[in-house]
C-alpha atoms as a PDB file:
ATOM      1  CA  MET A   1       7.774   8.898 -31.289  1.00  0.00           C
ATOM      2  CA  SER A   2      10.285  11.461 -30.013  1.00  0.00           C
ATOM      3  CA  ARG A   3       9.381  14.418 -27.858  1.00  0.00           C
ATOM      4  CA  ALA A   4       9.738  17.882 -29.316  1.00  0.00           C
ATOM      5  CA  LYS A   5      12.617  19.958 -28.013  1.00  0.00           C
ATOM      6  CA  TYR A   6      11.551  23.486 -27.203  1.00  0.00           C
ATOM      7  CA  GLN A   7      13.857  26.475 -27.062  1.00  0.00           C
ATOM      8  CA  PHE A   8      13.607  29.302 -24.539  1.00  0.00           C
ATOM      9  CA  GLU A   9      13.863  32.283 -26.893  1.00  0.00           C
ATOM     10  CA  THR A  10      12.131  30.942 -29.991  1.00  0.00           C
ATOM     11  CA  ASP A  11       9.363  28.913 -28.366  1.00  0.00           C
ATOM     12  CA  PHE A  12       8.647  29.945 -24.775  1.00  0.00           C
ATOM     13  CA  LEU A  13       9.575  33.645 -24.700  1.00  0.00           C
ATOM     14  CA  THR A  14       7.451  34.327 -27.778  1.00  0.00           C
ATOM     15  CA  THR A  15       4.332  33.239 -25.839  1.00  0.00           C
ATOM     16  CA  VAL A  16       5.000  35.757 -23.037  1.00  0.00           C
ATOM     17  CA  PRO A  17       3.324  39.193 -23.163  1.00  0.00           C
ATOM     18  CA  THR A  18       5.838  41.851 -24.229  1.00  0.00           C
ATOM     19  CA  GLU A  19       5.646  43.692 -20.910  1.00  0.00           C
ATOM     20  CA  HIS A  20       6.955  40.588 -19.111  1.00  0.00           C
ATOM     21  CA  THR A  21       9.737  39.395 -21.426  1.00  0.00           C
ATOM     22  CA  ASP A  22      12.419  41.261 -19.459  1.00  0.00           C
ATOM     23  CA  PHE A  23      11.249  39.659 -16.200  1.00  0.00           C
ATOM     24  CA  VAL A  24      11.152  36.173 -17.729  1.00  0.00           C
ATOM     25  CA  SER A  25      14.600  36.680 -19.242  1.00  0.00           C
ATOM     26  CA  GLN A  26      15.925  37.860 -15.870  1.00  0.00           C
ATOM     27  CA  VAL A  27      14.494  34.778 -14.117  1.00  0.00           C
ATOM     28  CA  TYR A  28      15.940  32.531 -16.821  1.00  0.00           C
ATOM     29  CA  GLN A  29      19.423  34.086 -16.715  1.00  0.00           C
ATOM     30  CA  SER A  30      19.535  34.163 -12.915  1.00  0.00           C
ATOM     31  CA  LEU A  31      18.537  30.526 -12.445  1.00  0.00           C
ATOM     32  CA  VAL A  32      20.652  29.142 -15.290  1.00  0.00           C
ATOM     33  CA  LYS A  33      23.626  31.021 -13.799  1.00  0.00           C
ATOM     34  CA  GLU A  34      22.962  29.119 -10.531  1.00  0.00           C
ATOM     35  CA  ASN A  35      23.025  25.827 -12.511  1.00  0.00           C
ATOM     36  CA  TYR A  36      19.297  25.167 -12.525  1.00  0.00           C
ATOM     37  CA  LYS A  37      18.252  23.215 -15.586  1.00  0.00           C
ATOM     38  CA  PRO A  38      15.462  24.822 -17.639  1.00  0.00           C
ATOM     39  CA  LYS A  39      12.886  22.451 -19.079  1.00  0.00           C
ATOM     40  CA  ILE A  40      10.096  23.500 -21.422  1.00  0.00           C
ATOM     41  CA  THR A  41       7.152  21.138 -21.648  1.00  0.00           C
ATOM     42  CA  VAL A  42       3.594  21.227 -22.907  1.00  0.00           C
ATOM     43  CA  THR A  43       0.652  20.575 -20.599  1.00  0.00           C
ATOM     44  CA  LYS A  44      -3.031  20.288 -21.430  1.00  0.00           C
ATOM     45  CA  SER A  45      -4.031  23.014 -18.981  1.00  0.00           C
ATOM     46  CA  THR A  46      -1.347  25.656 -19.599  1.00  0.00           C
ATOM     47  CA  GLY A  47       0.317  24.898 -22.922  1.00  0.00           C
ATOM     48  CA  LEU A  48       4.034  25.639 -22.820  1.00  0.00           C
ATOM     49  CA  GLN A  49       5.536  25.933 -19.379  1.00  0.00           C
ATOM     50  CA  LEU A  50       9.095  26.601 -18.305  1.00  0.00           C
ATOM     51  CA  ALA A  51      10.329  24.830 -15.176  1.00  0.00           C
ATOM     52  CA  PHE A  52      13.693  25.178 -13.478  1.00  0.00           C
ATOM     53  CA  TRP A  53      15.149  22.045 -11.851  1.00  0.00           C
ATOM     54  CA  GLN A  54      18.046  21.505  -9.499  1.00  0.00           C
ATOM     55  CA  PRO A  55      20.632  19.199 -10.975  1.00  0.00           C
ATOM     56  CA  LYS A  56      20.411  15.626  -9.656  1.00  0.00           C
ATOM     57  CA  VAL A  57      17.006  16.146  -7.956  1.00  0.00           C
ATOM     58  CA  LYS A  58      14.349  14.289  -9.939  1.00  0.00           C
ATOM     59  CA  SER A  59      11.259  14.847  -7.766  1.00  0.00           C
ATOM     60  CA  THR A  60       9.189  18.026  -7.455  1.00  0.00           C
ATOM     61  CA  MET A  61      11.557  18.922  -4.601  1.00  0.00           C
ATOM     62  CA  GLY A  62      14.021  19.790  -7.366  1.00  0.00           C
ATOM     63  CA  ILE A  63      11.762  22.399  -8.948  1.00  0.00           C
ATOM     64  CA  ILE A  64      12.327  25.982  -7.879  1.00  0.00           C
ATOM     65  CA  ALA A  65       9.914  27.783 -10.205  1.00  0.00           C
ATOM     66  CA  ILE A  66       7.561  27.310 -13.128  1.00  0.00           C
ATOM     67  CA  LEU A  67       6.395  30.006 -15.543  1.00  0.00           C
ATOM     68  CA  PHE A  68       3.311  29.499 -17.698  1.00  0.00           C
ATOM     69  CA  MET A  69       0.391  31.315 -19.302  1.00  0.00           C
ATOM     70  CA  ARG A  70      -3.162  31.026 -17.984  1.00  0.00           C
ATOM     71  CA  ALA A  71      -6.021  33.018 -19.475  1.00  0.00           C
ATOM     72  CA  ASP A  72      -3.567  35.374 -21.236  1.00  0.00           C
ATOM     73  CA  LYS A  73      -1.758  36.076 -17.956  1.00  0.00           C
ATOM     74  CA  LEU A  74       1.789  35.121 -17.059  1.00  0.00           C
ATOM     75  CA  ILE A  75       1.850  32.990 -13.913  1.00  0.00           C
ATOM     76  CA  LEU A  76       4.838  32.234 -11.705  1.00  0.00           C
ATOM     77  CA  ARG A  77       4.734  29.288  -9.331  1.00  0.00           C
ATOM     78  CA  ILE A  78       7.429  29.004  -6.682  1.00  0.00           C
ATOM     79  CA  TYR A  79       7.244  25.764  -4.734  1.00  0.00           C
ATOM     80  CA  GLY A  80       8.812  27.354  -1.663  1.00  0.00           C
ATOM     81  CA  PHE A  81      10.198  24.241  -0.001  1.00  0.00           C
ATOM     82  CA  GLY A  82      12.547  26.468   2.008  1.00  0.00           C
ATOM     83  CA  TYR A  83      10.065  29.228   2.844  1.00  0.00           C
ATOM     84  CA  GLU A  84      10.775  28.948   6.592  1.00  0.00           C
ATOM     85  CA  GLU A  85      14.186  30.498   5.961  1.00  0.00           C
ATOM     86  CA  TYR A  86      12.823  33.666   4.347  1.00  0.00           C
ATOM     87  CA  LEU A  87       9.701  34.384   6.374  1.00  0.00           C
ATOM     88  CA  ASP A  88      10.951  37.953   6.874  1.00  0.00           C
ATOM     89  CA  LEU A  89      10.722  38.484   3.113  1.00  0.00           C
ATOM     90  CA  ILE A  90       7.260  36.888   2.947  1.00  0.00           C
ATOM     91  CA  GLU A  91       6.143  39.252   5.710  1.00  0.00           C
ATOM     92  CA  THR A  92       7.009  42.238   3.465  1.00  0.00           C
ATOM     93  CA  LEU A  93       5.038  41.102   0.402  1.00  0.00           C
ATOM     94  CA  PRO A  94       2.728  43.775  -0.979  1.00  0.00           C
ATOM     95  CA  ASP A  95      -1.014  43.366  -0.455  1.00  0.00           C
ATOM     96  CA  SER A  96      -1.489  42.396  -4.126  1.00  0.00           C
ATOM     97  CA  LEU A  97       0.647  39.271  -3.596  1.00  0.00           C
ATOM     98  CA  VAL A  98      -0.754  38.507  -0.138  1.00  0.00           C
ATOM     99  CA  LYS A  99      -4.245  38.431  -1.669  1.00  0.00           C
ATOM    100  CA  GLN A 100      -3.047  35.825  -4.160  1.00  0.00           C
ATOM    101  CA  VAL A 101      -1.556  33.713  -1.346  1.00  0.00           C
ATOM    102  CA  ASP A 102      -4.890  33.986   0.462  1.00  0.00           C
ATOM    103  CA  LYS A 103      -6.714  32.638  -2.627  1.00  0.00           C
ATOM    104  CA  ALA A 104      -4.496  29.523  -2.785  1.00  0.00           C
ATOM    105  CA  HIS A 105      -5.995  26.219  -1.716  1.00  0.00           C
ATOM    106  CA  ASP A 106      -5.976  25.482   1.998  1.00  0.00           C
ATOM    107  CA  CYS A 107      -3.817  22.472   2.812  1.00  0.00           C
ATOM    108  CA  LYS A 108      -5.922  19.465   3.756  1.00  0.00           C
ATOM    109  CA  LYS A 109      -3.081  18.176   5.951  1.00  0.00           C
ATOM    110  CA  PHE A 110      -3.706  20.880   8.543  1.00  0.00           C
ATOM    111  CA  ILE A 111      -7.428  20.065   8.705  1.00  0.00           C
ATOM    112  CA  ASP A 112      -7.127  16.255   8.643  1.00  0.00           C
ATOM    113  CA  PRO A 113      -3.701  14.653   8.034  1.00  0.00           C
ATOM    114  CA  THR A 114      -5.339  11.539   6.573  1.00  0.00           C
ATOM    115  CA  LYS A 115      -6.974  13.566   3.771  1.00  0.00           C
ATOM    116  CA  CYS A 116      -3.762  14.573   2.009  1.00  0.00           C
ATOM    117  CA  PHE A 117      -1.065  12.482   0.372  1.00  0.00           C
ATOM    118  CA  LYS A 118       1.604  10.879   2.544  1.00  0.00           C
ATOM    119  CA  GLY A 119       4.439  13.233   1.546  1.00  0.00           C
ATOM    120  CA  CYS A 120       2.455  16.453   1.895  1.00  0.00           C
ATOM    121  CA  ILE A 121       4.513  19.347   3.183  1.00  0.00           C
ATOM    122  CA  GLY A 122       1.855  22.063   3.426  1.00  0.00           C
ATOM    123  CA  HIS A 123       3.015  25.579   4.191  1.00  0.00           C
ATOM    124  CA  LYS A 124       2.030  27.242   7.481  1.00  0.00           C
ATOM    125  CA  PHE A 125       3.134  30.812   8.175  1.00  0.00           C
ATOM    126  CA  GLN A 126       1.916  34.285   9.095  1.00  0.00           C
ATOM    127  CA  ILE A 127       1.798  37.509   7.166  1.00  0.00           C
ATOM    128  CA  ARG A 128       1.083  40.584   9.252  1.00  0.00           C
ATOM    129  CA  GLY A 129      -0.537  38.474  11.964  1.00  0.00           C
ATOM    130  CA  LYS A 130      -2.805  36.420   9.681  1.00  0.00           C
ATOM    131  CA  VAL A 131      -2.118  32.665   9.674  1.00  0.00           C
ATOM    132  CA  PHE A 132      -1.963  30.892   6.322  1.00  0.00           C
ATOM    133  CA  GLN A 133      -2.132  27.085   5.960  1.00  0.00           C
ATOM    134  CA  LYS A 134      -1.762  26.557   2.228  1.00  0.00           C
ATOM    135  CA  CYS A 135      -1.087  23.757  -0.222  1.00  0.00           C
ATOM    136  CA  TYR A 136       2.546  23.810  -1.311  1.00  0.00           C
ATOM    137  CA  VAL A 137       1.556  23.420  -4.979  1.00  0.00           C
ATOM    138  CA  ASP A 138      -0.189  26.767  -5.373  1.00  0.00           C
ATOM    139  CA  CYS A 139       0.674  28.639  -2.170  1.00  0.00           C
ATOM    140  CA  PHE A 140       3.179  30.838  -3.961  1.00  0.00           C
ATOM    141  CA  GLU A 141       1.482  31.028  -7.354  1.00  0.00           C
ATOM    142  CA  PHE A 142       1.310  34.589  -8.603  1.00  0.00           C
ATOM    143  CA  GLU A 143       0.100  36.500 -11.615  1.00  0.00           C
ATOM    144  CA  VAL A 144       3.149  38.401 -12.795  1.00  0.00           C
ATOM    145  CA  THR A 145       2.707  42.165 -12.962  1.00  0.00           C
ATOM    146  CA  THR A 146       5.338  44.795 -13.603  1.00  0.00           C
ATOM    147  CA  ALA A 147       4.516  46.308 -10.190  1.00  0.00           C
ATOM    148  CA  ASP A 148       5.243  43.019  -8.370  1.00  0.00           C
ATOM    149  CA  ALA A 149       8.154  41.749 -10.488  1.00  0.00           C
ATOM    150  CA  LEU A 150      10.826  42.935  -8.039  1.00  0.00           C
ATOM    151  CA  TYR A 151       9.172  41.102  -5.123  1.00  0.00           C
ATOM    152  CA  LEU A 152       8.749  37.953  -7.207  1.00  0.00           C
ATOM    153  CA  MET A 153      12.418  38.037  -8.169  1.00  0.00           C
ATOM    154  CA  GLN A 154      13.347  38.407  -4.494  1.00  0.00           C
ATOM    155  CA  LEU A 155      11.253  35.319  -3.650  1.00  0.00           C
ATOM    156  CA  ILE A 156      12.947  33.314  -6.400  1.00  0.00           C
ATOM    157  CA  GLU A 157      16.396  34.410  -5.209  1.00  0.00           C
ATOM    158  CA  ALA A 158      15.561  33.582  -1.579  1.00  0.00           C
ATOM    159  CA  GLU A 159      14.296  30.101  -2.487  1.00  0.00           C
ATOM    160  CA  SER A 160      17.319  29.542  -4.708  1.00  0.00           C
ATOM    161  CA  LYS A 161      19.699  30.469  -1.892  1.00  0.00           C
ATOM    162  CA  VAL A 162      17.998  27.939   0.427  1.00  0.00           C
ATOM    163  CA  LYS A 163      18.049  25.176  -2.207  1.00  0.00           C
ATOM    164  CA  LEU A 164      21.700  25.778  -3.074  1.00  0.00           C
ATOM    165  CA  LYS A 165      22.664  25.778   0.616  1.00  0.00           C
ATOM    166  CA  ARG A 166      20.786  22.520   1.180  1.00  0.00           C
ATOM    167  CA  ASN A 167      22.467  21.011  -1.887  1.00  0.00           C
ATOM    168  CA  ASP A 168      25.870  21.941  -0.456  1.00  0.00           C
ATOM    169  CA  ASP A 169      24.930  20.179   2.775  1.00  0.00           C
ATOM    170  CA  LEU A 170      24.269  16.889   0.949  1.00  0.00           C
END
């Protein structure tokens, strides 16, 4: 049985609330321009999701961002493997996004390294003096709002710059 091929405009974008289609299109165009490969899949928990992968990187380390719907809300997940290189940007996040970071799962690695999987790379950083030790999977998972879209785009661009630089170093 073959897998269905989903298209960005006819399948994924039609599931996105109208107020966010411009943002999603901007993310799509920006990342495709940087040679990230878009991949639309279906999951049991979120339905259609759009992930952007670095060419030639097959593991989750190759994912820069995933967009999906949850409870009628558009969610953006940035894996943030290079977050150390844009801590100054993270420090300037608005309170609405900082609250979402705070709600992310705490990383078990920082509590007891034996409780998390071997390759765990939990995120540890500060925002305005508060220390965060969060799981890399949902640390930078945000509900997209029109008010926060500019900041979210800046995070995506910062992570992309780090990933592209690291790719050049390979």
